[in-house]
Amino acid sequence: MEWVKPTVLDRLVRMCNQFQLLESLDSDQRSDDARFKLFHTWIYVIQADEMKQLIERLTRYESEKKGATTDEVDEEIAID
């Protein structure tokens, strides 16, 4: 399932560049490995809870990309 379509991503990146929220570090913004420099002005745009959710979502995406499952639960081993 695609998180953000490439055309929408391009528009979002251009808008964020315009308002000095981020800067593209790579010329190919659609690449899975594209890097962006986020500026401190994000604190005026989004709430802290939204940022936490975004970080969690990105962490899950990275885990899934590496082949790990995100629903794993550590099982406790009963010691007799």
C-alpha atoms as a PDB file:
ATOM      1  CA  MET A   1       0.000   0.000   0.000  1.00  0.00           C
ATOM      2  CA  GLU A   2       1.436   3.328  -1.053  1.00  0.00           C
ATOM      3  CA  TRP A   3       1.576   5.941   1.682  1.00  0.00           C
ATOM      4  CA  VAL A   4       1.728   9.098  -0.461  1.00  0.00           C
ATOM      5  CA  LYS A   5       1.428   9.168  -4.239  1.00  0.00           C
ATOM      6  CA  PRO A   6       4.451  10.659  -6.074  1.00  0.00           C
ATOM      7  CA  THR A   7       2.558  13.647  -7.488  1.00  0.00           C
ATOM      8  CA  VAL A   8       1.156  14.510  -4.056  1.00  0.00           C
ATOM      9  CA  LEU A   9       4.617  14.120  -2.546  1.00  0.00           C
ATOM     10  CA  ASP A  10       6.079  16.520  -5.134  1.00  0.00           C
ATOM     11  CA  ARG A  11       3.442  19.129  -4.297  1.00  0.00           C
ATOM     12  CA  LEU A  12       4.001  18.727  -0.559  1.00  0.00           C
ATOM     13  CA  VAL A  13       7.774  19.071  -0.927  1.00  0.00           C
ATOM     14  CA  ARG A  14       7.416  22.215  -3.071  1.00  0.00           C
ATOM     15  CA  MET A  15       4.977  23.735  -0.584  1.00  0.00           C
ATOM     16  CA  CYS A  16       7.270  22.912   2.350  1.00  0.00           C
ATOM     17  CA  ASN A  17      10.218  24.427   0.481  1.00  0.00           C
ATOM     18  CA  GLN A  18       8.206  27.583  -0.148  1.00  0.00           C
ATOM     19  CA  PHE A  19       7.381  27.982   3.536  1.00  0.00           C
ATOM     20  CA  GLN A  20      10.916  27.030   4.598  1.00  0.00           C
ATOM     21  CA  LEU A  21       9.841  23.904   6.423  1.00  0.00           C
ATOM     22  CA  LEU A  22      12.262  21.588   4.661  1.00  0.00           C
ATOM     23  CA  GLU A  23      14.996  21.434   2.072  1.00  0.00           C
ATOM     24  CA  SER A  24      15.570  18.571  -0.365  1.00  0.00           C
ATOM     25  CA  LEU A  25      19.068  17.153  -0.095  1.00  0.00           C
ATOM     26  CA  ASP A  26      18.647  14.907  -3.157  1.00  0.00           C
ATOM     27  CA  SER A  27      17.533  15.809  -6.663  1.00  0.00           C
ATOM     28  CA  ASP A  28      15.220  12.770  -6.923  1.00  0.00           C
ATOM     29  CA  GLN A  29      12.591  13.468  -4.277  1.00  0.00           C
ATOM     30  CA  ARG A  30      10.567  10.404  -5.302  1.00  0.00           C
ATOM     31  CA  SER A  31      13.335   7.993  -4.421  1.00  0.00           C
ATOM     32  CA  ASP A  32      12.819   5.724  -1.415  1.00  0.00           C
ATOM     33  CA  ASP A  33      16.194   6.964  -0.173  1.00  0.00           C
ATOM     34  CA  ALA A  34      15.469  10.671  -0.702  1.00  0.00           C
ATOM     35  CA  ARG A  35      16.740  12.845   2.130  1.00  0.00           C
ATOM     36  CA  PHE A  36      15.239  16.050   3.469  1.00  0.00           C
ATOM     37  CA  LYS A  37      16.507  18.596   5.941  1.00  0.00           C
ATOM     38  CA  LEU A  38      13.701  19.596   8.322  1.00  0.00           C
ATOM     39  CA  PHE A  39      13.792  23.068   9.802  1.00  0.00           C
ATOM     40  CA  HIS A  40      12.723  24.053  13.314  1.00  0.00           C
ATOM     41  CA  THR A  41       9.712  25.920  11.896  1.00  0.00           C
ATOM     42  CA  TRP A  42       7.795  22.618  11.946  1.00  0.00           C
ATOM     43  CA  ILE A  43       6.968  23.263  15.606  1.00  0.00           C
ATOM     44  CA  TYR A  44       4.690  26.085  14.445  1.00  0.00           C
ATOM     45  CA  VAL A  45       2.901  23.884  11.914  1.00  0.00           C
ATOM     46  CA  ILE A  46       2.107  20.612  13.644  1.00  0.00           C
ATOM     47  CA  GLN A  47       1.252  19.415  17.118  1.00  0.00           C
ATOM     48  CA  ALA A  48       3.679  17.307  19.172  1.00  0.00           C
ATOM     49  CA  ASP A  49       1.264  14.340  19.121  1.00  0.00           C
ATOM     50  CA  GLU A  50       1.183  14.436  15.333  1.00  0.00           C
ATOM     51  CA  MET A  51       4.974  14.448  15.216  1.00  0.00           C
ATOM     52  CA  LYS A  52       5.093  11.427  17.554  1.00  0.00           C
ATOM     53  CA  GLN A  53       2.645   9.566  15.305  1.00  0.00           C
ATOM     54  CA  LEU A  54       4.722  10.437  12.240  1.00  0.00           C
ATOM     55  CA  ILE A  55       7.908   9.170  13.886  1.00  0.00           C
ATOM     56  CA  GLU A  56       6.175   5.931  14.886  1.00  0.00           C
ATOM     57  CA  ARG A  57       4.835   5.466  11.370  1.00  0.00           C
ATOM     58  CA  LEU A  58       8.260   6.065   9.816  1.00  0.00           C
ATOM     59  CA  THR A  59       9.827   3.625  12.281  1.00  0.00           C
ATOM     60  CA  ARG A  60       7.266   0.958  11.355  1.00  0.00           C
ATOM     61  CA  TYR A  61       7.891   1.633   7.657  1.00  0.00           C
ATOM     62  CA  GLU A  62      11.649   1.191   8.127  1.00  0.00           C
ATOM     63  CA  SER A  63      11.080  -2.055  10.060  1.00  0.00           C
ATOM     64  CA  GLU A  64       8.776  -3.423   7.355  1.00  0.00           C
ATOM     65  CA  LYS A  65      11.224  -2.358   4.661  1.00  0.00           C
ATOM     66  CA  LYS A  66      13.982  -4.373   6.369  1.00  0.00           C
ATOM     67  CA  GLY A  67      11.702  -7.417   6.557  1.00  0.00           C
ATOM     68  CA  ALA A  68      10.863  -7.265  10.250  1.00  0.00           C
ATOM     69  CA  THR A  69       7.306  -7.591  11.433  1.00  0.00           C
ATOM     70  CA  THR A  70       5.857  -4.845  13.558  1.00  0.00           C
ATOM     71  CA  ASP A  71       3.316  -7.027  15.358  1.00  0.00           C
ATOM     72  CA  GLU A  72       5.805  -9.236  17.139  1.00  0.00           C
ATOM     73  CA  VAL A  73       5.359  -9.515  20.868  1.00  0.00           C
ATOM     74  CA  ASP A  74       8.093 -10.625  23.181  1.00  0.00           C
ATOM     75  CA  GLU A  75       7.000 -13.822  24.827  1.00  0.00           C
ATOM     76  CA  GLU A  76       7.779 -14.367  28.455  1.00  0.00           C
ATOM     77  CA  ILE A  77       9.279 -17.733  29.213  1.00  0.00           C
ATOM     78  CA  ALA A  78       7.972 -19.376  32.360  1.00  0.00           C
ATOM     79  CA  ILE A  79      10.765 -20.436  34.658  1.00  0.00           C
ATOM     80  CA  ASP A  80      10.017 -23.417  36.854  1.00  0.00           C
END
